[in-house]
Amino acid sequence: MLRPFAGTTLLDIHLSLLRDAWATGAFSAWGIALCREEDGADELIRAATEWGVPVIERSLDSVSGLRLRSEELYFLSRFEESHVMWVNGCLPMFKARTLFEAAELFKALPGVASMTAMSVAHNWFWRLNGRPVNNLDPMCVSTQGCDPLAETAHGFHIFERRWMLECSAYWGAAEDNDPMLFRVGDPRELVDVDDEYGFRKAEALWRELRDEAVPFLNPSADW
């Protein structure tokens, strides 16, 4: 998050996104959860302070290895809101407008318990044993003839705060629309930095858009 990235950092891009999403008025509370005892925390907290993003204190235990998600997000017990939107810090092209539109849609649909960002993949998909997932007709030789599948984009999740704390899960998945799928239309937003290849791919795209002076890189431009 602190590594140089096309003249900035992924952290600064993420903090800018959070600030612009907060400015939309769609949310009642916001912040970035950080542990002051973790290595590099001083730089993270300094950047958050400069961007005006509130720091939500979390413990060293919550950042030290895999555990129940409810233990990682225990700090949500301090809040009163019914639902939480978690936002991925490793999608540098993600837009404040997308977060705003998702939040407003979620609030407008009573009875929907959760939501996640997704994209649509139109391809043949298989289980590891060679059995088809969506190309069930062997006579279908065109990917366009198969039903498309929704793929989690990991841009954001909206989930019920109490459900997370009690069940350590984002959603129940027992009924339709739990989660509700929110399609992200611009594939550039979904470029994710998970490894070295992803970092270089995202940085190259960021430079390309910046050099073309595309307002896409300025979330505030949408407003």
Protein backbone atom coordinates (compact mmCIF):
# COMPACT_ATOMS: atom_id res chain seq x y z
CA MET A 1 0.00 0.00 0.00
CA LEU A 2 2.97 2.33 0.58
CA ARG A 3 5.04 1.25 -2.42
CA PRO A 4 5.45 3.95 -5.11
CA PHE A 5 2.66 3.56 -7.66
CA ALA A 6 2.75 5.77 -10.77
CA GLY A 7 3.76 8.84 -8.78
CA THR A 8 1.47 8.12 -5.83
CA THR A 9 0.63 5.08 -3.67
CA LEU A 10 -2.26 2.64 -3.44
CA LEU A 11 -2.86 3.96 0.08
CA ASP A 12 -3.27 7.56 -1.08
CA ILE A 13 -5.59 6.43 -3.87
CA HIS A 14 -7.69 4.44 -1.41
CA LEU A 15 -7.88 7.28 1.11
CA SER A 16 -8.94 9.63 -1.68
CA LEU A 17 -11.69 7.17 -2.65
CA LEU A 18 -12.94 6.97 0.94
CA ARG A 19 -12.95 10.75 1.27
CA ASP A 20 -14.89 11.24 -1.96
CA ALA A 21 -17.36 8.47 -1.07
CA TRP A 22 -17.96 10.10 2.32
CA ALA A 23 -18.57 13.45 0.61
CA THR A 24 -21.53 11.98 -1.29
CA GLY A 25 -23.57 11.93 1.92
CA ALA A 26 -24.57 8.30 1.45
CA PHE A 27 -22.95 7.09 4.68
CA SER A 28 -23.47 7.83 8.36
CA ALA A 29 -19.97 6.88 9.54
CA TRP A 30 -16.65 6.07 7.90
CA GLY A 31 -13.01 5.34 8.54
CA ILE A 32 -10.05 3.06 7.94
CA ALA A 33 -9.30 0.35 10.50
CA LEU A 34 -5.64 0.34 11.56
CA CYS A 35 -3.52 -1.14 14.32
CA ARG A 36 -1.03 1.30 15.86
CA GLU A 37 1.21 -1.58 17.00
CA GLU A 38 1.65 -3.06 13.53
CA ASP A 39 4.84 -2.48 11.52
CA GLY A 40 4.46 0.56 9.29
CA ALA A 41 1.42 1.83 11.20
CA ASP A 42 2.89 5.30 11.74
CA GLU A 43 3.01 5.94 7.99
CA LEU A 44 -0.50 4.59 7.49
CA ILE A 45 -1.92 6.74 10.27
CA ARG A 46 -0.03 9.80 9.03
CA ALA A 47 -1.51 9.41 5.55
CA ALA A 48 -5.02 8.87 6.92
CA THR A 49 -4.69 12.02 9.03
CA GLU A 50 -3.52 14.06 6.05
CA TRP A 51 -6.52 12.90 4.01
CA GLY A 52 -8.88 13.57 6.91
CA VAL A 53 -9.99 9.94 7.12
CA PRO A 54 -10.88 8.84 10.68
CA VAL A 55 -8.75 5.99 12.06
CA ILE A 56 -10.70 3.11 13.60
CA GLU A 57 -8.51 1.46 16.23
CA ARG A 58 -7.99 -2.28 15.97
CA SER A 59 -5.88 -4.63 18.07
CA LEU A 60 -2.64 -6.36 17.17
CA ASP A 61 -4.37 -9.73 17.56
CA SER A 62 -6.85 -8.82 14.82
CA VAL A 63 -4.10 -8.33 12.22
CA SER A 64 -1.88 -11.29 13.12
CA GLY A 65 -2.82 -14.18 10.90
CA LEU A 66 -5.96 -15.92 9.69
CA ARG A 67 -8.86 -16.08 12.12
CA LEU A 68 -12.61 -15.74 12.21
CA ARG A 69 -13.68 -12.66 10.31
CA SER A 70 -15.78 -11.58 13.29
CA GLU A 71 -12.57 -11.49 15.37
CA GLU A 72 -10.86 -9.38 12.73
CA LEU A 73 -13.80 -6.99 12.61
CA TYR A 74 -14.59 -6.99 16.35
CA PHE A 75 -14.36 -3.18 16.35
CA LEU A 76 -17.72 -3.06 14.56
CA SER A 77 -19.29 -3.64 17.97
CA ARG A 78 -18.57 0.03 18.73
CA PHE A 79 -20.92 1.20 15.99
CA GLU A 80 -24.70 1.40 15.95
CA GLU A 81 -25.40 1.24 12.21
CA SER A 82 -27.33 -1.81 11.01
CA HIS A 83 -25.10 -2.40 7.96
CA VAL A 84 -21.49 -1.91 6.95
CA MET A 85 -19.83 -1.42 3.56
CA TRP A 86 -16.34 -2.91 3.40
CA VAL A 87 -14.23 -1.40 0.59
CA ASN A 88 -11.15 -3.08 -0.91
CA GLY A 89 -8.03 -0.93 -0.80
CA CYS A 90 -6.33 -2.74 -3.69
CA LEU A 91 -8.58 -1.66 -6.58
CA PRO A 92 -7.02 1.69 -7.55
CA MET A 93 -9.53 2.39 -10.35
CA PHE A 94 -12.60 1.89 -8.16
CA LYS A 95 -14.84 4.97 -8.17
CA ALA A 96 -16.70 6.88 -5.49
CA ARG A 97 -19.72 7.02 -7.76
CA THR A 98 -19.88 3.21 -7.80
CA LEU A 99 -19.88 3.09 -3.99
CA PHE A 100 -22.52 5.81 -3.84
CA GLU A 101 -24.80 4.11 -6.37
CA ALA A 102 -24.48 0.75 -4.61
CA ALA A 103 -25.23 2.25 -1.19
CA GLU A 104 -28.25 4.19 -2.46
CA LEU A 105 -29.64 1.15 -4.26
CA PHE A 106 -29.19 -0.99 -1.17
CA LYS A 107 -31.00 1.52 1.04
CA ALA A 108 -33.85 1.75 -1.47
CA LEU A 109 -34.55 -1.99 -1.44
CA PRO A 110 -36.20 -3.06 1.81
CA GLY A 111 -35.64 -6.63 2.83
CA VAL A 112 -32.26 -7.03 1.12
CA ALA A 113 -29.78 -8.20 3.76
CA SER A 114 -26.47 -7.90 1.90
CA MET A 115 -24.82 -6.89 -1.38
CA THR A 116 -21.55 -7.50 -3.19
CA ALA A 117 -19.87 -6.11 -6.28
CA MET A 118 -19.68 -8.43 -9.26
CA SER A 119 -18.88 -8.65 -12.94
CA VAL A 120 -20.35 -10.96 -15.57
CA ALA A 121 -18.18 -13.63 -17.19
CA HIS A 122 -19.37 -15.20 -20.44
CA ASN A 123 -17.24 -18.30 -20.84
CA TRP A 124 -17.17 -22.04 -20.24
CA PHE A 125 -16.60 -22.91 -16.59
CA TRP A 126 -15.59 -26.29 -15.19
CA ARG A 127 -15.19 -28.06 -11.89
CA LEU A 128 -11.74 -29.47 -11.26
CA ASN A 129 -12.99 -32.97 -12.05
CA GLY A 130 -13.84 -31.86 -15.59
CA ARG A 131 -17.58 -31.60 -15.07
CA PRO A 132 -19.15 -28.49 -16.62
CA VAL A 133 -20.63 -25.73 -14.53
CA ASN A 134 -22.56 -23.85 -17.21
CA ASN A 135 -21.83 -25.53 -20.59
CA LEU A 136 -24.20 -28.43 -19.95
CA ASP A 137 -25.03 -29.10 -23.61
CA PRO A 138 -22.08 -30.86 -25.35
CA MET A 139 -23.53 -29.77 -28.69
CA CYS A 140 -23.07 -26.13 -27.73
CA VAL A 141 -19.73 -25.10 -29.16
CA SER A 142 -20.05 -21.36 -28.59
CA THR A 143 -19.33 -19.67 -25.28
CA GLN A 144 -22.09 -17.19 -26.12
CA GLY A 145 -24.54 -20.08 -26.10
CA CYS A 146 -23.90 -20.79 -22.44
CA ASP A 147 -25.44 -18.97 -19.53
CA PRO A 148 -23.12 -16.25 -18.18
CA LEU A 149 -21.95 -16.43 -14.59
CA ALA A 150 -21.55 -13.68 -12.04
CA GLU A 151 -18.05 -13.31 -10.57
CA THR A 152 -17.31 -11.57 -7.29
CA ALA A 153 -15.30 -8.43 -7.97
CA HIS A 154 -14.11 -7.93 -4.36
CA GLY A 155 -14.61 -4.18 -4.69
CA PHE A 156 -17.03 -3.91 -1.82
CA HIS A 157 -19.35 -5.96 0.38
CA ILE A 158 -22.38 -4.63 2.25
CA PHE A 159 -23.36 -6.82 5.18
CA GLU A 160 -25.38 -6.77 8.37
CA ARG A 161 -23.18 -5.73 11.26
CA ARG A 162 -24.76 -8.00 13.87
CA TRP A 163 -24.76 -10.98 11.50
CA MET A 164 -21.02 -10.57 10.98
CA LEU A 165 -20.29 -10.29 14.70
CA GLU A 166 -22.48 -13.26 15.62
CA CYS A 167 -21.92 -15.60 12.63
CA SER A 168 -18.56 -14.45 11.23
CA ALA A 169 -20.05 -14.26 7.73
CA TYR A 170 -20.84 -11.53 5.22
CA TRP A 171 -24.20 -13.05 4.32
CA GLY A 172 -26.44 -16.01 4.92
CA ALA A 173 -26.74 -17.16 1.28
CA ALA A 174 -29.92 -19.01 2.26
CA GLU A 175 -32.25 -16.92 0.11
CA ASP A 176 -32.22 -15.07 -3.19
CA ASN A 177 -30.46 -11.71 -3.01
CA ASP A 178 -28.43 -12.64 0.05
CA PRO A 179 -26.20 -11.28 -1.24
CA MET A 180 -27.78 -9.07 -3.87
CA LEU A 181 -25.39 -8.78 -6.83
CA PHE A 182 -24.37 -5.28 -7.92
CA ARG A 183 -22.86 -5.29 -11.40
CA VAL A 184 -19.88 -3.00 -11.92
CA GLY A 185 -20.14 -1.89 -15.53
CA ASP A 186 -16.65 -0.55 -16.21
CA PRO A 187 -14.07 -3.39 -16.17
CA ARG A 188 -11.27 -0.92 -15.48
CA GLU A 189 -12.63 -0.46 -11.98
CA LEU A 190 -12.06 -4.13 -11.23
CA VAL A 191 -8.31 -4.29 -11.84
CA ASP A 192 -7.13 -5.81 -8.56
CA VAL A 193 -3.65 -5.73 -7.06
CA ASP A 194 -3.07 -9.15 -5.49
CA ASP A 195 0.47 -9.86 -6.67
CA GLU A 196 3.38 -8.41 -8.61
CA TYR A 197 1.68 -8.94 -11.96
CA GLY A 198 -1.46 -7.22 -10.74
CA PHE A 199 0.57 -4.32 -9.38
CA ARG A 200 2.32 -3.71 -12.69
CA LYS A 201 -0.89 -4.14 -14.68
CA ALA A 202 -2.75 -1.64 -12.51
CA GLU A 203 0.13 0.83 -12.54
CA ALA A 204 0.38 0.68 -16.34
CA LEU A 205 -3.35 1.31 -16.71
CA TRP A 206 -3.23 4.15 -14.21
CA ARG A 207 -0.37 5.81 -16.12
CA GLU A 208 -2.22 5.34 -19.42
CA LEU A 209 -5.40 6.94 -18.11
CA ARG A 210 -3.47 9.75 -16.45
CA ASP A 211 -1.50 10.52 -19.62
CA GLU A 212 -4.76 10.64 -21.57
CA ALA A 213 -6.13 13.06 -18.96
CA VAL A 214 -9.13 10.80 -18.44
CA PRO A 215 -11.35 12.20 -15.65
CA PHE A 216 -11.90 8.58 -14.62
CA LEU A 217 -8.94 8.96 -12.26
CA ASN A 218 -10.56 11.82 -10.39
CA PRO A 219 -13.58 10.49 -8.46
CA SER A 220 -14.63 14.06 -7.62
CA ALA A 221 -15.01 14.80 -11.33
CA ASP A 222 -18.15 12.67 -11.36
CA TRP A 223 -19.81 15.06 -8.96
